[in-house]
Amino acid sequence: MKTRRELLMERLSNYRTVPGHGPDISRKSDDELEDYVKLLERMFEAAFKQDDDVGSDGI
């Protein structure tokens, strides 16, 4: 069975940051990592969500 941290690191592996500009995840607690992963997931979802208005080009 995987630990909480291993599961969080697995979820975090779906996202990339520019080298030297991301957080030092080795120093973060599990709670901080979970908050960071949730933030990335919400940002990704907001950036790529589908527009419900089919045919709309957003202009």
PDB file of N, CA and C in Angstrom:
ATOM      1  N   MET A   1       0.835  -1.184   0.000  1.00  0.00           N
ATOM      2  CA  MET A   1       0.000   0.000   0.000  1.00  0.00           C
ATOM      3  C   MET A   1       0.882   1.250   0.000  1.00  0.00           C
ATOM      4  N   LYS A   2       0.495   2.205  -0.831  1.00  0.00           N
ATOM      5  CA  LYS A   2       1.285   3.424  -0.945  1.00  0.00           C
ATOM      6  C   LYS A   2       0.950   4.393   0.184  1.00  0.00           C
ATOM      7  N   THR A   3       1.965   5.160   0.582  1.00  0.00           N
ATOM      8  CA  THR A   3       1.750   6.172   1.612  1.00  0.00           C
ATOM      9  C   THR A   3       1.050   7.380   0.999  1.00  0.00           C
ATOM     10  N   ARG A   4       0.544   8.235   1.856  1.00  0.00           N
ATOM     11  CA  ARG A   4      -0.127   9.455   1.398  1.00  0.00           C
ATOM     12  C   ARG A   4       0.820  10.288   0.543  1.00  0.00           C
ATOM     13  N   ARG A   5       2.058  10.406   0.991  1.00  0.00           N
ATOM     14  CA  ARG A   5       3.044  11.206   0.254  1.00  0.00           C
ATOM     15  C   ARG A   5       3.308  10.613  -1.126  1.00  0.00           C
ATOM     16  N   GLU A   6       3.411   9.294  -1.229  1.00  0.00           N
ATOM     17  CA  GLU A   6       3.635   8.649  -2.519  1.00  0.00           C
ATOM     18  C   GLU A   6       2.466   8.920  -3.473  1.00  0.00           C
ATOM     19  N   LEU A   7       1.253   8.876  -2.955  1.00  0.00           N
ATOM     20  CA  LEU A   7       0.080   9.168  -3.779  1.00  0.00           C
ATOM     21  C   LEU A   7       0.079  10.628  -4.241  1.00  0.00           C
ATOM     22  N   LEU A   8       0.456  11.538  -3.343  1.00  0.00           N
ATOM     23  CA  LEU A   8       0.528  12.954  -3.712  1.00  0.00           C
ATOM     24  C   LEU A   8       1.610  13.192  -4.756  1.00  0.00           C
ATOM     25  N   MET A   9       2.751  12.540  -4.594  1.00  0.00           N
ATOM     26  CA  MET A   9       3.845  12.692  -5.561  1.00  0.00           C
ATOM     27  C   MET A   9       3.431  12.136  -6.921  1.00  0.00           C
ATOM     28  N   GLU A  10       2.657  11.071  -6.912  1.00  0.00           N
ATOM     29  CA  GLU A  10       2.161  10.499  -8.157  1.00  0.00           C
ATOM     30  C   GLU A  10       1.231  11.489  -8.871  1.00  0.00           C
ATOM     31  N   ARG A  11       0.326  12.115  -8.119  1.00  0.00           N
ATOM     32  CA  ARG A  11      -0.564  13.122  -8.701  1.00  0.00           C
ATOM     33  C   ARG A  11       0.238  14.324  -9.196  1.00  0.00           C
ATOM     34  N   LEU A  12       1.243  14.707  -8.441  1.00  0.00           N
ATOM     35  CA  LEU A  12       2.073  15.860  -8.797  1.00  0.00           C
ATOM     36  C   LEU A  12       2.898  15.592 -10.055  1.00  0.00           C
ATOM     37  N   SER A  13       3.187  14.344 -10.359  1.00  0.00           N
ATOM     38  CA  SER A  13       4.001  14.021 -11.527  1.00  0.00           C
ATOM     39  C   SER A  13       3.290  14.359 -12.837  1.00  0.00           C
ATOM     40  N   ASN A  14       2.001  14.662 -12.776  1.00  0.00           N
ATOM     41  CA  ASN A  14       1.243  15.052 -13.975  1.00  0.00           C
ATOM     42  C   ASN A  14       1.518  16.498 -14.384  1.00  0.00           C
ATOM     43  N   TYR A  15       2.213  17.256 -13.549  1.00  0.00           N
ATOM     44  CA  TYR A  15       2.434  18.679 -13.791  1.00  0.00           C
ATOM     45  C   TYR A  15       3.917  18.988 -13.801  1.00  0.00           C
ATOM     46  N   ARG A  16       4.303  19.962 -14.622  1.00  0.00           N
ATOM     47  CA  ARG A  16       5.705  20.365 -14.738  1.00  0.00           C
ATOM     48  C   ARG A  16       5.833  21.861 -14.458  1.00  0.00           C
ATOM     49  N   THR A  17       6.965  22.232 -13.895  1.00  0.00           N
ATOM     50  CA  THR A  17       7.288  23.645 -13.711  1.00  0.00           C
ATOM     51  C   THR A  17       8.628  23.911 -14.386  1.00  0.00           C
ATOM     52  N   VAL A  18       8.909  25.163 -14.623  1.00  0.00           N
ATOM     53  CA  VAL A  18      10.196  25.537 -15.195  1.00  0.00           C
ATOM     54  C   VAL A  18      11.266  25.234 -14.144  1.00  0.00           C
ATOM     55  N   PRO A  19      12.334  24.523 -14.519  1.00  0.00           N
ATOM     56  CA  PRO A  19      13.370  24.190 -13.545  1.00  0.00           C
ATOM     57  C   PRO A  19      13.875  25.423 -12.798  1.00  0.00           C
ATOM     58  N   GLY A  20      13.939  25.299 -11.481  1.00  0.00           N
ATOM     59  CA  GLY A  20      14.401  26.399 -10.642  1.00  0.00           C
ATOM     60  C   GLY A  20      13.312  27.372 -10.247  1.00  0.00           C
ATOM     61  N   HIS A  21      12.089  27.214 -10.785  1.00  0.00           N
ATOM     62  CA  HIS A  21      11.012  28.152 -10.491  1.00  0.00           C
ATOM     63  C   HIS A  21       9.851  27.520  -9.739  1.00  0.00           C
ATOM     64  N   GLY A  22       9.866  26.225  -9.583  1.00  0.00           N
ATOM     65  CA  GLY A  22       8.808  25.545  -8.852  1.00  0.00           C
ATOM     66  C   GLY A  22       9.136  25.479  -7.370  1.00  0.00           C
ATOM     67  N   PRO A  23       8.200  25.026  -6.579  1.00  0.00           N
ATOM     68  CA  PRO A  23       8.458  24.906  -5.150  1.00  0.00           C
ATOM     69  C   PRO A  23       9.400  23.737  -4.857  1.00  0.00           C
ATOM     70  N   ASP A  24      10.070  23.794  -3.737  1.00  0.00           N
ATOM     71  CA  ASP A  24      10.927  22.694  -3.309  1.00  0.00           C
ATOM     72  C   ASP A  24      10.024  21.675  -2.605  1.00  0.00           C
ATOM     73  N   ILE A  25       9.535  20.711  -3.370  1.00  0.00           N
ATOM     74  CA  ILE A  25       8.548  19.783  -2.823  1.00  0.00           C
ATOM     75  C   ILE A  25       9.128  18.862  -1.752  1.00  0.00           C
ATOM     76  N   SER A  26      10.436  18.697  -1.739  1.00  0.00           N
ATOM     77  CA  SER A  26      11.044  17.851  -0.717  1.00  0.00           C
ATOM     78  C   SER A  26      10.931  18.488   0.671  1.00  0.00           C
ATOM     79  N   ARG A  27      10.762  19.799   0.724  1.00  0.00           N
ATOM     80  CA  ARG A  27      10.640  20.521   2.003  1.00  0.00           C
ATOM     81  C   ARG A  27       9.196  20.698   2.459  1.00  0.00           C
ATOM     82  N   LYS A  28       8.250  20.388   1.594  1.00  0.00           N
ATOM     83  CA  LYS A  28       6.843  20.595   1.927  1.00  0.00           C
ATOM     84  C   LYS A  28       6.280  19.421   2.730  1.00  0.00           C
ATOM     85  N   SER A  29       5.383  19.752   3.644  1.00  0.00           N
ATOM     86  CA  SER A  29       4.684  18.707   4.394  1.00  0.00           C
ATOM     87  C   SER A  29       3.642  18.068   3.482  1.00  0.00           C
ATOM     88  N   ASP A  30       3.078  16.963   3.906  1.00  0.00           N
ATOM     89  CA  ASP A  30       2.040  16.302   3.116  1.00  0.00           C
ATOM     90  C   ASP A  30       0.836  17.221   2.918  1.00  0.00           C
ATOM     91  N   ASP A  31       0.469  17.971   3.942  1.00  0.00           N
ATOM     92  CA  ASP A  31      -0.666  18.900   3.828  1.00  0.00           C
ATOM     93  C   ASP A  31      -0.374  19.996   2.812  1.00  0.00           C
ATOM     94  N   GLU A  32       0.840  20.531   2.838  1.00  0.00           N
ATOM     95  CA  GLU A  32       1.230  21.560   1.872  1.00  0.00           C
ATOM     96  C   GLU A  32       1.252  20.996   0.452  1.00  0.00           C
ATOM     97  N   LEU A  33       1.739  19.773   0.302  1.00  0.00           N
ATOM     98  CA  LEU A  33       1.756  19.128  -1.012  1.00  0.00           C
ATOM     99  C   LEU A  33       0.339  18.924  -1.532  1.00  0.00           C
ATOM    100  N   GLU A  34      -0.560  18.504  -0.647  1.00  0.00           N
ATOM    101  CA  GLU A  34      -1.941  18.288  -1.064  1.00  0.00           C
ATOM    102  C   GLU A  34      -2.573  19.599  -1.529  1.00  0.00           C
ATOM    103  N   ASP A  35      -2.328  20.686  -0.801  1.00  0.00           N
ATOM    104  CA  ASP A  35      -2.846  21.999  -1.207  1.00  0.00           C
ATOM    105  C   ASP A  35      -2.285  22.407  -2.565  1.00  0.00           C
ATOM    106  N   TYR A  36      -0.992  22.165  -2.785  1.00  0.00           N
ATOM    107  CA  TYR A  36      -0.336  22.526  -4.041  1.00  0.00           C
ATOM    108  C   TYR A  36      -0.907  21.717  -5.210  1.00  0.00           C
ATOM    109  N   VAL A  37      -1.099  20.418  -5.011  1.00  0.00           N
ATOM    110  CA  VAL A  37      -1.653  19.563  -6.057  1.00  0.00           C
ATOM    111  C   VAL A  37      -3.083  19.999  -6.389  1.00  0.00           C
ATOM    112  N   LYS A  38      -3.869  20.291  -5.373  1.00  0.00           N
ATOM    113  CA  LYS A  38      -5.250  20.743  -5.603  1.00  0.00           C
ATOM    114  C   LYS A  38      -5.264  22.053  -6.375  1.00  0.00           C
ATOM    115  N   LEU A  39      -4.356  22.957  -6.052  1.00  0.00           N
ATOM    116  CA  LEU A  39      -4.252  24.228  -6.764  1.00  0.00           C
ATOM    117  C   LEU A  39      -3.939  23.992  -8.237  1.00  0.00           C
ATOM    118  N   LEU A  40      -2.967  23.133  -8.518  1.00  0.00           N
ATOM    119  CA  LEU A  40      -2.604  22.828  -9.902  1.00  0.00           C
ATOM    120  C   LEU A  40      -3.771  22.190 -10.646  1.00  0.00           C
ATOM    121  N   GLU A  41      -4.482  21.280  -9.998  1.00  0.00           N
ATOM    122  CA  GLU A  41      -5.617  20.626 -10.634  1.00  0.00           C
ATOM    123  C   GLU A  41      -6.729  21.621 -10.956  1.00  0.00           C
ATOM    124  N   ARG A  42      -7.010  22.542 -10.024  1.00  0.00           N
ATOM    125  CA  ARG A  42      -8.042  23.562 -10.279  1.00  0.00           C
ATOM    126  C   ARG A  42      -7.626  24.507 -11.406  1.00  0.00           C
ATOM    127  N   MET A  43      -6.354  24.898 -11.431  1.00  0.00           N
ATOM    128  CA  MET A  43      -5.872  25.788 -12.486  1.00  0.00           C
ATOM    129  C   MET A  43      -5.946  25.100 -13.849  1.00  0.00           C
ATOM    130  N   PHE A  44      -5.558  23.841 -13.911  1.00  0.00           N
ATOM    131  CA  PHE A  44      -5.605  23.086 -15.165  1.00  0.00           C
ATOM    132  C   PHE A  44      -7.048  22.956 -15.643  1.00  0.00           C
ATOM    133  N   GLU A  45      -7.940  22.623 -14.726  1.00  0.00           N
ATOM    134  CA  GLU A  45      -9.354  22.478 -15.077  1.00  0.00           C
ATOM    135  C   GLU A  45      -9.936  23.800 -15.591  1.00  0.00           C
ATOM    136  N   ALA A  46      -9.609  24.891 -14.928  1.00  0.00           N
ATOM    137  CA  ALA A  46     -10.121  26.197 -15.351  1.00  0.00           C
ATOM    138  C   ALA A  46      -9.561  26.605 -16.716  1.00  0.00           C
ATOM    139  N   ALA A  47      -8.317  26.277 -16.967  1.00  0.00           N
ATOM    140  CA  ALA A  47      -7.681  26.668 -18.224  1.00  0.00           C
ATOM    141  C   ALA A  47      -8.198  25.862 -19.414  1.00  0.00           C
ATOM    142  N   PHE A  48      -8.605  24.621 -19.170  1.00  0.00           N
ATOM    143  CA  PHE A  48      -8.969  23.754 -20.281  1.00  0.00           C
ATOM    144  C   PHE A  48     -10.406  23.266 -20.261  1.00  0.00           C
ATOM    145  N   LYS A  49     -11.248  23.906 -19.459  1.00  0.00           N
ATOM    146  CA  LYS A  49     -12.634  23.445 -19.429  1.00  0.00           C
ATOM    147  C   LYS A  49     -13.321  23.751 -20.751  1.00  0.00           C
ATOM    148  N   GLN A  50     -14.261  22.901 -21.123  1.00  0.00           N
ATOM    149  CA  GLN A  50     -15.010  23.053 -22.367  1.00  0.00           C
ATOM    150  C   GLN A  50     -16.088  24.114 -22.179  1.00  0.00           C
ATOM    151  N   ASP A  51     -16.284  24.905 -23.202  1.00  0.00           N
ATOM    152  CA  ASP A  51     -17.363  25.889 -23.201  1.00  0.00           C
ATOM    153  C   ASP A  51     -18.656  25.154 -23.512  1.00  0.00           C
ATOM    154  N   ASP A  52     -19.702  25.359 -22.717  1.00  0.00           N
ATOM    155  CA  ASP A  52     -20.984  24.679 -22.913  1.00  0.00           C
ATOM    156  C   ASP A  52     -21.700  25.158 -24.160  1.00  0.00           C
ATOM    157  N   ASP A  53     -21.346  26.314 -24.668  1.00  0.00           N
ATOM    158  CA  ASP A  53     -22.017  26.901 -25.820  1.00  0.00           C
ATOM    159  C   ASP A  53     -21.352  26.368 -27.097  1.00  0.00           C
ATOM    160  N   VAL A  54     -21.903  25.283 -27.645  1.00  0.00           N
ATOM    161  CA  VAL A  54     -21.328  24.642 -28.819  1.00  0.00           C
ATOM    162  C   VAL A  54     -21.328  25.623 -29.996  1.00  0.00           C
ATOM    163  N   GLY A  55     -20.219  25.703 -30.679  1.00  0.00           N
ATOM    164  CA  GLY A  55     -20.098  26.602 -31.822  1.00  0.00           C
ATOM    165  C   GLY A  55     -19.600  27.993 -31.446  1.00  0.00           C
ATOM    166  N   SER A  56     -19.499  28.258 -30.184  1.00  0.00           N
ATOM    167  CA  SER A  56     -19.022  29.572 -29.742  1.00  0.00           C
ATOM    168  C   SER A  56     -17.501  29.615 -29.850  1.00  0.00           C
ATOM    169  N   ASP A  57     -16.991  30.677 -30.476  1.00  0.00           N
ATOM    170  CA  ASP A  57     -15.546  30.809 -30.570  1.00  0.00           C
ATOM    171  C   ASP A  57     -14.993  31.768 -29.528  1.00  0.00           C
ATOM    172  N   GLY A  58     -15.850  32.211 -28.608  1.00  0.00           N
ATOM    173  CA  GLY A  58     -15.402  33.050 -27.512  1.00  0.00           C
ATOM    174  C   GLY A  58     -15.160  34.491 -27.870  1.00  0.00           C
ATOM    175  N   ILE A  59     -15.549  34.893 -29.065  1.00  0.00           N
ATOM    176  CA  ILE A  59     -15.330  36.276 -29.489  1.00  0.00           C
ATOM    177  C   ILE A  59     -16.583  37.072 -29.261  1.00  0.00           C
TER     178      ILE A  59
END
